Amino acid sequence: VMEQELVNSAGAHNKIGWAFGLGLERLSMILYNIP
């Protein structure tokens, strides 16, 4: 959950932010055995 101060600084005072990162290259390396 994003720190509310960051969300407020973007002008979304009545919102809650959710941040995530998948690391697509890393997932692809795993799925396809890319060395």
PDB file of all heavy atoms in Angstrom:
ATOM      1  N   VAL A   1       0.866  -1.184   0.000  1.00  0.00           N
ATOM      2  CA  VAL A   1       0.000   0.000   0.000  1.00  0.00           C
ATOM      3  C   VAL A   1       0.900   1.230   0.000  1.00  0.00           C
ATOM      4  O   VAL A   1       1.786   1.364   0.851  1.00  0.00           O
ATOM      5  CB  VAL A   1      -0.925   0.003   1.236  1.00  0.00           C
ATOM      6  CG1 VAL A   1      -1.796   1.265   1.232  1.00  0.00           C
ATOM      7  CG2 VAL A   1      -1.786  -1.252   1.263  1.00  0.00           C
ATOM      8  N   MET A   2       0.666   2.124  -0.947  1.00  0.00           N
ATOM      9  CA  MET A   2       1.532   3.288  -1.085  1.00  0.00           C
ATOM     10  C   MET A   2       1.393   4.221   0.114  1.00  0.00           C
ATOM     11  O   MET A   2       0.300   4.375   0.671  1.00  0.00           O
ATOM     12  CB  MET A   2       1.201   4.040  -2.376  1.00  0.00           C
ATOM     13  CG  MET A   2       1.545   3.278  -3.644  1.00  0.00           C
ATOM     14  SD  MET A   2       1.079   4.177  -5.137  1.00  0.00           S
ATOM     15  CE  MET A   2       2.138   5.621  -5.020  1.00  0.00           C
ATOM     16  N   GLU A   3       2.506   4.814   0.507  1.00  0.00           N
ATOM     17  CA  GLU A   3       2.465   5.815   1.572  1.00  0.00           C
ATOM     18  C   GLU A   3       1.490   6.921   1.171  1.00  0.00           C
ATOM     19  O   GLU A   3       1.555   7.455   0.064  1.00  0.00           O
ATOM     20  CB  GLU A   3       3.862   6.397   1.807  1.00  0.00           C
ATOM     21  CG  GLU A   3       4.888   5.413   2.350  1.00  0.00           C
ATOM     22  CD  GLU A   3       4.684   5.141   3.830  1.00  0.00           C
ATOM     23  OE1 GLU A   3       3.729   5.679   4.426  1.00  0.00           O
ATOM     24  OE2 GLU A   3       5.487   4.372   4.396  1.00  0.00           O
ATOM     25  N   GLN A   4       0.579   7.261   2.084  1.00  0.00           N
ATOM     26  CA  GLN A   4      -0.490   8.197   1.740  1.00  0.00           C
ATOM     27  C   GLN A   4       0.053   9.561   1.333  1.00  0.00           C
ATOM     28  O   GLN A   4      -0.537  10.267   0.507  1.00  0.00           O
ATOM     29  CB  GLN A   4      -1.464   8.336   2.925  1.00  0.00           C
ATOM     30  CG  GLN A   4      -2.768   9.037   2.561  1.00  0.00           C
ATOM     31  CD  GLN A   4      -3.532   8.296   1.478  1.00  0.00           C
ATOM     32  OE1 GLN A   4      -3.574   7.072   1.473  1.00  0.00           O
ATOM     33  NE2 GLN A   4      -4.138   9.039   0.553  1.00  0.00           N
ATOM     34  N   GLU A   5       1.199   9.929   1.877  1.00  0.00           N
ATOM     35  CA  GLU A   5       1.791  11.223   1.520  1.00  0.00           C
ATOM     36  C   GLU A   5       2.094  11.297   0.022  1.00  0.00           C
ATOM     37  O   GLU A   5       1.919  12.335  -0.607  1.00  0.00           O
ATOM     38  CB  GLU A   5       3.069  11.439   2.333  1.00  0.00           C
ATOM     39  CG  GLU A   5       3.725  12.789   2.107  1.00  0.00           C
ATOM     40  CD  GLU A   5       4.967  12.972   2.956  1.00  0.00           C
ATOM     41  OE1 GLU A   5       5.105  12.250   3.961  1.00  0.00           O
ATOM     42  OE2 GLU A   5       5.796  13.828   2.609  1.00  0.00           O
ATOM     43  N   LEU A   6       2.543  10.176  -0.559  1.00  0.00           N
ATOM     44  CA  LEU A   6       2.813  10.133  -2.000  1.00  0.00           C
ATOM     45  C   LEU A   6       1.528  10.258  -2.801  1.00  0.00           C
ATOM     46  O   LEU A   6       1.470  10.968  -3.807  1.00  0.00           O
ATOM     47  CB  LEU A   6       3.523   8.820  -2.363  1.00  0.00           C
ATOM     48  CG  LEU A   6       4.959   8.656  -1.890  1.00  0.00           C
ATOM     49  CD1 LEU A   6       5.450   7.261  -2.221  1.00  0.00           C
ATOM     50  CD2 LEU A   6       5.853   9.707  -2.541  1.00  0.00           C
ATOM     51  N   VAL A   7       0.507   9.566  -2.349  1.00  0.00           N
ATOM     52  CA  VAL A   7      -0.784   9.623  -3.049  1.00  0.00           C
ATOM     53  C   VAL A   7      -1.340  11.048  -2.970  1.00  0.00           C
ATOM     54  O   VAL A   7      -1.826  11.595  -3.969  1.00  0.00           O
ATOM     55  CB  VAL A   7      -1.779   8.617  -2.434  1.00  0.00           C
ATOM     56  CG1 VAL A   7      -3.120   8.669  -3.173  1.00  0.00           C
ATOM     57  CG2 VAL A   7      -1.210   7.199  -2.498  1.00  0.00           C
ATOM     58  N   ASN A   8      -1.236  11.672  -1.809  1.00  0.00           N
ATOM     59  CA  ASN A   8      -1.737  13.034  -1.653  1.00  0.00           C
ATOM     60  C   ASN A   8      -0.984  14.016  -2.550  1.00  0.00           C
ATOM     61  O   ASN A   8      -1.571  14.940  -3.121  1.00  0.00           O
ATOM     62  CB  ASN A   8      -1.603  13.485  -0.183  1.00  0.00           C
ATOM     63  CG  ASN A   8      -2.525  12.712   0.738  1.00  0.00           C
ATOM     64  OD1 ASN A   8      -3.466  12.060   0.283  1.00  0.00           O
ATOM     65  ND2 ASN A   8      -2.254  12.766   2.043  1.00  0.00           N
ATOM     66  N   SER A   9       0.339  13.788  -2.680  1.00  0.00           N
ATOM     67  CA  SER A   9       1.147  14.705  -3.494  1.00  0.00           C
ATOM     68  C   SER A   9       0.765  14.644  -4.970  1.00  0.00           C
ATOM     69  O   SER A   9       1.060  15.559  -5.738  1.00  0.00           O
ATOM     70  CB  SER A   9       2.639  14.385  -3.327  1.00  0.00           C
ATOM     71  OG  SER A   9       2.953  13.131  -3.920  1.00  0.00           O
ATOM     72  N   ALA A  10       0.097  13.556  -5.353  1.00  0.00           N
ATOM     73  CA  ALA A  10      -0.373  13.425  -6.736  1.00  0.00           C
ATOM     74  C   ALA A  10      -1.781  13.990  -6.894  1.00  0.00           C
ATOM     75  O   ALA A  10      -2.371  13.890  -7.979  1.00  0.00           O
ATOM     76  CB  ALA A  10      -0.356  11.963  -7.164  1.00  0.00           C
ATOM     77  N   GLY A  11      -2.333  14.575  -5.831  1.00  0.00           N
ATOM     78  CA  GLY A  11      -3.652  15.195  -5.906  1.00  0.00           C
ATOM     79  C   GLY A  11      -4.791  14.215  -5.725  1.00  0.00           C
ATOM     80  O   GLY A  11      -5.945  14.534  -6.004  1.00  0.00           O
ATOM     81  N   ALA A  12      -4.487  13.001  -5.258  1.00  0.00           N
ATOM     82  CA  ALA A  12      -5.540  11.982  -5.082  1.00  0.00           C
ATOM     83  C   ALA A  12      -5.791  11.765  -3.587  1.00  0.00           C
ATOM     84  O   ALA A  12      -5.607  10.672  -3.055  1.00  0.00           O
ATOM     85  CB  ALA A  12      -5.125  10.680  -5.764  1.00  0.00           C
ATOM     86  N   HIS A  13      -6.228  12.824  -2.900  1.00  0.00           N
ATOM     87  CA  HIS A  13      -6.326  12.804  -1.445  1.00  0.00           C
ATOM     88  C   HIS A  13      -7.321  11.777  -0.935  1.00  0.00           C
ATOM     89  O   HIS A  13      -7.182  11.274   0.180  1.00  0.00           O
ATOM     90  CB  HIS A  13      -6.708  14.202  -0.934  1.00  0.00           C
ATOM     91  CG  HIS A  13      -5.694  15.254  -1.287  1.00  0.00           C
ATOM     92  ND1 HIS A  13      -4.578  15.496  -0.519  1.00  0.00           N
ATOM     93  CD2 HIS A  13      -5.614  16.106  -2.352  1.00  0.00           C
ATOM     94  CE1 HIS A  13      -3.857  16.461  -1.080  1.00  0.00           C
ATOM     95  NE2 HIS A  13      -4.478  16.848  -2.202  1.00  0.00           N
ATOM     96  N   ASN A  14      -8.344  11.482  -1.724  1.00  0.00           N
ATOM     97  CA  ASN A  14      -9.375  10.550  -1.262  1.00  0.00           C
ATOM     98  C   ASN A  14      -9.170   9.135  -1.836  1.00  0.00           C
ATOM     99  O   ASN A  14     -10.097   8.334  -1.869  1.00  0.00           O
ATOM    100  CB  ASN A  14     -10.765  11.055  -1.646  1.00  0.00           C
ATOM    101  CG  ASN A  14     -10.915  11.219  -3.152  1.00  0.00           C
ATOM    102  OD1 ASN A  14      -9.920  11.304  -3.874  1.00  0.00           O
ATOM    103  ND2 ASN A  14     -12.151  11.256  -3.625  1.00  0.00           N
ATOM    104  N   LYS A  15      -7.948   8.863  -2.277  1.00  0.00           N
ATOM    105  CA  LYS A  15      -7.657   7.564  -2.879  1.00  0.00           C
ATOM    106  C   LYS A  15      -6.609   6.821  -2.069  1.00  0.00           C
ATOM    107  O   LYS A  15      -5.862   7.401  -1.282  1.00  0.00           O
ATOM    108  CB  LYS A  15      -7.140   7.725  -4.321  1.00  0.00           C
ATOM    109  CG  LYS A  15      -8.082   8.481  -5.252  1.00  0.00           C
ATOM    110  CD  LYS A  15      -9.301   7.660  -5.590  1.00  0.00           C
ATOM    111  CE  LYS A  15     -10.180   8.384  -6.602  1.00  0.00           C
ATOM    112  NZ  LYS A  15     -11.400   7.605  -6.932  1.00  0.00           N
ATOM    113  N   ILE A  16      -6.540   5.515  -2.282  1.00  0.00           N
ATOM    114  CA  ILE A  16      -5.488   4.674  -1.721  1.00  0.00           C
ATOM    115  C   ILE A  16      -4.708   4.075  -2.882  1.00  0.00           C
ATOM    116  O   ILE A  16      -5.294   3.600  -3.859  1.00  0.00           O
ATOM    117  CB  ILE A  16      -6.080   3.555  -0.835  1.00  0.00           C
ATOM    118  CG1 ILE A  16      -6.772   4.163   0.393  1.00  0.00           C
ATOM    119  CG2 ILE A  16      -5.003   2.565  -0.404  1.00  0.00           C
ATOM    120  CD1 ILE A  16      -7.475   3.147   1.254  1.00  0.00           C
ATOM    121  N   GLY A  17      -3.388   4.108  -2.784  1.00  0.00           N
ATOM    122  CA  GLY A  17      -2.556   3.590  -3.870  1.00  0.00           C
ATOM    123  C   GLY A  17      -2.007   2.204  -3.575  1.00  0.00           C
ATOM    124  O   GLY A  17      -1.719   1.873  -2.419  1.00  0.00           O
ATOM    125  N   TRP A  18      -1.858   1.400  -4.623  1.00  0.00           N
ATOM    126  CA  TRP A  18      -1.310   0.048  -4.512  1.00  0.00           C
ATOM    127  C   TRP A  18      -0.185  -0.065  -5.536  1.00  0.00           C
ATOM    128  O   TRP A  18      -0.379   0.195  -6.719  1.00  0.00           O
ATOM    129  CB  TRP A  18      -2.408  -0.962  -4.787  1.00  0.00           C
ATOM    130  CG  TRP A  18      -1.959  -2.396  -4.844  1.00  0.00           C
ATOM    131  CD1 TRP A  18      -1.773  -3.162  -5.951  1.00  0.00           C
ATOM    132  CD2 TRP A  18      -1.662  -3.249  -3.742  1.00  0.00           C
ATOM    133  NE1 TRP A  18      -1.371  -4.428  -5.619  1.00  0.00           N
ATOM    134  CE2 TRP A  18      -1.290  -4.513  -4.247  1.00  0.00           C
ATOM    135  CE3 TRP A  18      -1.651  -3.055  -2.345  1.00  0.00           C
ATOM    136  CZ2 TRP A  18      -0.916  -5.573  -3.442  1.00  0.00           C
ATOM    137  CZ3 TRP A  18      -1.298  -4.121  -1.544  1.00  0.00           C
ATOM    138  CH2 TRP A  18      -0.932  -5.367  -2.081  1.00  0.00           C
ATOM    139  N   ALA A  19       1.006  -0.420  -5.080  1.00  0.00           N
ATOM    140  CA  ALA A  19       2.166  -0.523  -5.963  1.00  0.00           C
ATOM    141  C   ALA A  19       2.634  -1.970  -6.038  1.00  0.00           C
ATOM    142  O   ALA A  19       2.566  -2.706  -5.051  1.00  0.00           O
ATOM    143  CB  ALA A  19       3.303   0.361  -5.449  1.00  0.00           C
ATOM    144  N   PHE A  20       3.077  -2.369  -7.219  1.00  0.00           N
ATOM    145  CA  PHE A  20       3.600  -3.732  -7.353  1.00  0.00           C
ATOM    146  C   PHE A  20       4.576  -3.788  -8.532  1.00  0.00           C
ATOM    147  O   PHE A  20       4.530  -2.964  -9.445  1.00  0.00           O
ATOM    148  CB  PHE A  20       2.476  -4.751  -7.552  1.00  0.00           C
ATOM    149  CG  PHE A  20       1.670  -4.546  -8.805  1.00  0.00           C
ATOM    150  CD1 PHE A  20       2.003  -5.199  -9.990  1.00  0.00           C
ATOM    151  CD2 PHE A  20       0.575  -3.688  -8.818  1.00  0.00           C
ATOM    152  CE1 PHE A  20       1.261  -5.013 -11.141  1.00  0.00           C
ATOM    153  CE2 PHE A  20      -0.169  -3.492  -9.963  1.00  0.00           C
ATOM    154  CZ  PHE A  20       0.174  -4.156 -11.132  1.00  0.00           C
ATOM    155  N   GLY A  21       5.470  -4.739  -8.483  1.00  0.00           N
ATOM    156  CA  GLY A  21       6.427  -4.937  -9.571  1.00  0.00           C
ATOM    157  C   GLY A  21       6.614  -6.420  -9.849  1.00  0.00           C
ATOM    158  O   GLY A  21       6.906  -7.207  -8.946  1.00  0.00           O
ATOM    159  N   LEU A  22       6.427  -6.805 -11.115  1.00  0.00           N
ATOM    160  CA  LEU A  22       6.461  -8.223 -11.482  1.00  0.00           C
ATOM    161  C   LEU A  22       7.846  -8.735 -11.838  1.00  0.00           C
ATOM    162  O   LEU A  22       8.133  -9.914 -11.664  1.00  0.00           O
ATOM    163  CB  LEU A  22       5.527  -8.473 -12.677  1.00  0.00           C
ATOM    164  CG  LEU A  22       4.033  -8.486 -12.386  1.00  0.00           C
ATOM    165  CD1 LEU A  22       3.247  -8.505 -13.676  1.00  0.00           C
ATOM    166  CD2 LEU A  22       3.683  -9.714 -11.555  1.00  0.00           C
ATOM    167  N   GLY A  23       8.715  -7.881 -12.388  1.00  0.00           N
ATOM    168  CA  GLY A  23       9.999  -8.380 -12.865  1.00  0.00           C
ATOM    169  C   GLY A  23       9.833  -9.317 -14.047  1.00  0.00           C
ATOM    170  O   GLY A  23      10.155 -10.500 -13.976  1.00  0.00           O
ATOM    171  N   LEU A  24       9.296  -8.793 -15.154  1.00  0.00           N
ATOM    172  CA  LEU A  24       8.922  -9.642 -16.286  1.00  0.00           C
ATOM    173  C   LEU A  24      10.104 -10.402 -16.874  1.00  0.00           C
ATOM    174  O   LEU A  24       9.968 -11.564 -17.274  1.00  0.00           O
ATOM    175  CB  LEU A  24       8.249  -8.795 -17.366  1.00  0.00           C
ATOM    176  CG  LEU A  24       6.883  -8.218 -17.001  1.00  0.00           C
ATOM    177  CD1 LEU A  24       6.350  -7.351 -18.125  1.00  0.00           C
ATOM    178  CD2 LEU A  24       5.906  -9.326 -16.678  1.00  0.00           C
ATOM    179  N   GLU A  25      11.280  -9.746 -16.944  1.00  0.00           N
ATOM    180  CA  GLU A  25      12.437 -10.442 -17.508  1.00  0.00           C
ATOM    181  C   GLU A  25      12.791 -11.660 -16.666  1.00  0.00           C
ATOM    182  O   GLU A  25      13.079 -12.735 -17.187  1.00  0.00           O
ATOM    183  CB  GLU A  25      13.647  -9.499 -17.598  1.00  0.00           C
ATOM    184  CG  GLU A  25      13.484  -8.369 -18.596  1.00  0.00           C
ATOM    185  CD  GLU A  25      12.986  -7.113 -17.930  1.00  0.00           C
ATOM    186  OE1 GLU A  25      12.440  -7.200 -16.795  1.00  0.00           O
ATOM    187  OE2 GLU A  25      13.119  -6.038 -18.536  1.00  0.00           O
ATOM    188  N   ARG A  26      12.742 -11.485 -15.358  1.00  0.00           N
ATOM    189  CA  ARG A  26      13.095 -12.586 -14.460  1.00  0.00           C
ATOM    190  C   ARG A  26      12.105 -13.736 -14.590  1.00  0.00           C
ATOM    191  O   ARG A  26      12.487 -14.911 -14.621  1.00  0.00           O
ATOM    192  CB  ARG A  26      13.116 -12.060 -13.020  1.00  0.00           C
ATOM    193  CG  ARG A  26      13.793 -12.999 -12.059  1.00  0.00           C
ATOM    194  CD  ARG A  26      14.427 -12.179 -10.931  1.00  0.00           C
ATOM    195  NE  ARG A  26      14.619 -13.018  -9.758  1.00  0.00           N
ATOM    196  CZ  ARG A  26      13.736 -13.092  -8.764  1.00  0.00           C
ATOM    197  NH1 ARG A  26      12.644 -12.395  -8.799  1.00  0.00           N
ATOM    198  NH2 ARG A  26      13.982 -13.862  -7.727  1.00  0.00           N
ATOM    199  N   LEU A  27      10.814 -13.411 -14.688  1.00  0.00           N
ATOM    200  CA  LEU A  27       9.807 -14.451 -14.883  1.00  0.00           C
ATOM    201  C   LEU A  27      10.029 -15.191 -16.196  1.00  0.00           C
ATOM    202  O   LEU A  27       9.915 -16.416 -16.275  1.00  0.00           O
ATOM    203  CB  LEU A  27       8.401 -13.849 -14.860  1.00  0.00           C
ATOM    204  CG  LEU A  27       7.836 -13.454 -13.501  1.00  0.00           C
ATOM    205  CD1 LEU A  27       6.468 -12.808 -13.661  1.00  0.00           C
ATOM    206  CD2 LEU A  27       7.746 -14.665 -12.588  1.00  0.00           C
ATOM    207  N   SER A  28      10.356 -14.424 -17.250  1.00  0.00           N
ATOM    208  CA  SER A  28      10.591 -15.040 -18.559  1.00  0.00           C
ATOM    209  C   SER A  28      11.805 -15.954 -18.517  1.00  0.00           C
ATOM    210  O   SER A  28      11.803 -17.034 -19.130  1.00  0.00           O
ATOM    211  CB  SER A  28      10.799 -13.958 -19.627  1.00  0.00           C
ATOM    212  OG  SER A  28       9.650 -13.156 -19.754  1.00  0.00           O
ATOM    213  N   MET A  29      12.853 -15.537 -17.808  1.00  0.00           N
ATOM    214  CA  MET A  29      14.043 -16.374 -17.691  1.00  0.00           C
ATOM    215  C   MET A  29      13.701 -17.707 -17.024  1.00  0.00           C
ATOM    216  O   MET A  29      14.222 -18.759 -17.406  1.00  0.00           O
ATOM    217  CB  MET A  29      15.125 -15.644 -16.898  1.00  0.00           C
ATOM    218  CG  MET A  29      15.715 -14.441 -17.621  1.00  0.00           C
ATOM    219  SD  MET A  29      16.934 -13.555 -16.620  1.00  0.00           S
ATOM    220  CE  MET A  29      18.311 -14.705 -16.693  1.00  0.00           C
ATOM    221  N   ILE A  30      12.815 -17.661 -16.043  1.00  0.00           N
ATOM    222  CA  ILE A  30      12.415 -18.872 -15.339  1.00  0.00           C
ATOM    223  C   ILE A  30      11.562 -19.763 -16.243  1.00  0.00           C
ATOM    224  O   ILE A  30      11.802 -20.968 -16.377  1.00  0.00           O
ATOM    225  CB  ILE A  30      11.629 -18.512 -14.066  1.00  0.00           C
ATOM    226  CG1 ILE A  30      12.523 -17.770 -13.079  1.00  0.00           C
ATOM    227  CG2 ILE A  30      11.022 -19.753 -13.424  1.00  0.00           C
ATOM    228  CD1 ILE A  30      11.762 -17.076 -11.980  1.00  0.00           C
ATOM    229  N   LEU A  31      10.568 -19.162 -16.881  1.00  0.00           N
ATOM    230  CA  LEU A  31       9.623 -19.934 -17.681  1.00  0.00           C
ATOM    231  C   LEU A  31      10.272 -20.592 -18.890  1.00  0.00           C
ATOM    232  O   LEU A  31       9.908 -21.703 -19.277  1.00  0.00           O
ATOM    233  CB  LEU A  31       8.471 -19.023 -18.150  1.00  0.00           C
ATOM    234  CG  LEU A  31       7.485 -18.603 -17.060  1.00  0.00           C
ATOM    235  CD1 LEU A  31       6.569 -17.501 -17.570  1.00  0.00           C
ATOM    236  CD2 LEU A  31       6.664 -19.798 -16.605  1.00  0.00           C
ATOM    237  N   TYR A  32      11.251 -19.906 -19.510  1.00  0.00           N
ATOM    238  CA  TYR A  32      11.827 -20.404 -20.759  1.00  0.00           C
ATOM    239  C   TYR A  32      13.272 -20.882 -20.605  1.00  0.00           C
ATOM    240  O   TYR A  32      13.925 -21.201 -21.592  1.00  0.00           O
ATOM    241  CB  TYR A  32      11.766 -19.304 -21.820  1.00  0.00           C
ATOM    242  CG  TYR A  32      10.376 -18.787 -22.078  1.00  0.00           C
ATOM    243  CD1 TYR A  32      10.062 -17.451 -21.883  1.00  0.00           C
ATOM    244  CD2 TYR A  32       9.362 -19.641 -22.499  1.00  0.00           C
ATOM    245  CE1 TYR A  32       8.775 -16.972 -22.106  1.00  0.00           C
ATOM    246  CE2 TYR A  32       8.079 -19.177 -22.719  1.00  0.00           C
ATOM    247  CZ  TYR A  32       7.791 -17.841 -22.521  1.00  0.00           C
ATOM    248  OH  TYR A  32       6.523 -17.381 -22.751  1.00  0.00           O
ATOM    249  N   ASN A  33      13.775 -20.925 -19.356  1.00  0.00           N
ATOM    250  CA  ASN A  33      15.159 -21.358 -19.117  1.00  0.00           C
ATOM    251  C   ASN A  33      16.165 -20.514 -19.894  1.00  0.00           C
ATOM    252  O   ASN A  33      17.117 -21.041 -20.495  1.00  0.00           O
ATOM    253  CB  ASN A  33      15.334 -22.835 -19.471  1.00  0.00           C
ATOM    254  CG  ASN A  33      14.589 -23.739 -18.504  1.00  0.00           C
ATOM    255  OD1 ASN A  33      14.583 -23.488 -17.307  1.00  0.00           O
ATOM    256  ND2 ASN A  33      13.961 -24.765 -19.024  1.00  0.00           N
ATOM    257  N   ILE A  34      15.961 -19.214 -19.918  1.00  0.00           N
ATOM    258  CA  ILE A  34      16.883 -18.294 -20.585  1.00  0.00           C
ATOM    259  C   ILE A  34      18.026 -17.992 -19.612  1.00  0.00           C
ATOM    260  O   ILE A  34      17.787 -17.493 -18.511  1.00  0.00           O
ATOM    261  CB  ILE A  34      16.160 -17.010 -21.002  1.00  0.00           C
ATOM    262  CG1 ILE A  34      15.080 -17.340 -22.033  1.00  0.00           C
ATOM    263  CG2 ILE A  34      17.134 -15.986 -21.569  1.00  0.00           C
ATOM    264  CD1 ILE A  34      14.153 -16.184 -22.366  1.00  0.00           C
ATOM    265  N   PRO A  35      19.271 -18.285 -19.978  1.00  0.00           N
ATOM    266  CA  PRO A  35      20.357 -18.224 -19.014  1.00  0.00           C
ATOM    267  C   PRO A  35      20.943 -16.841 -18.750  1.00  0.00           C
ATOM    268  O   PRO A  35      21.612 -16.640 -17.742  1.00  0.00           O
ATOM    269  CB  PRO A  35      21.425 -19.120 -19.660  1.00  0.00           C
ATOM    270  CG  PRO A  35      21.175 -18.968 -21.131  1.00  0.00           C
ATOM    271  CD  PRO A  35      19.690 -18.817 -21.286  1.00  0.00           C
TER     272      PRO A  35
END
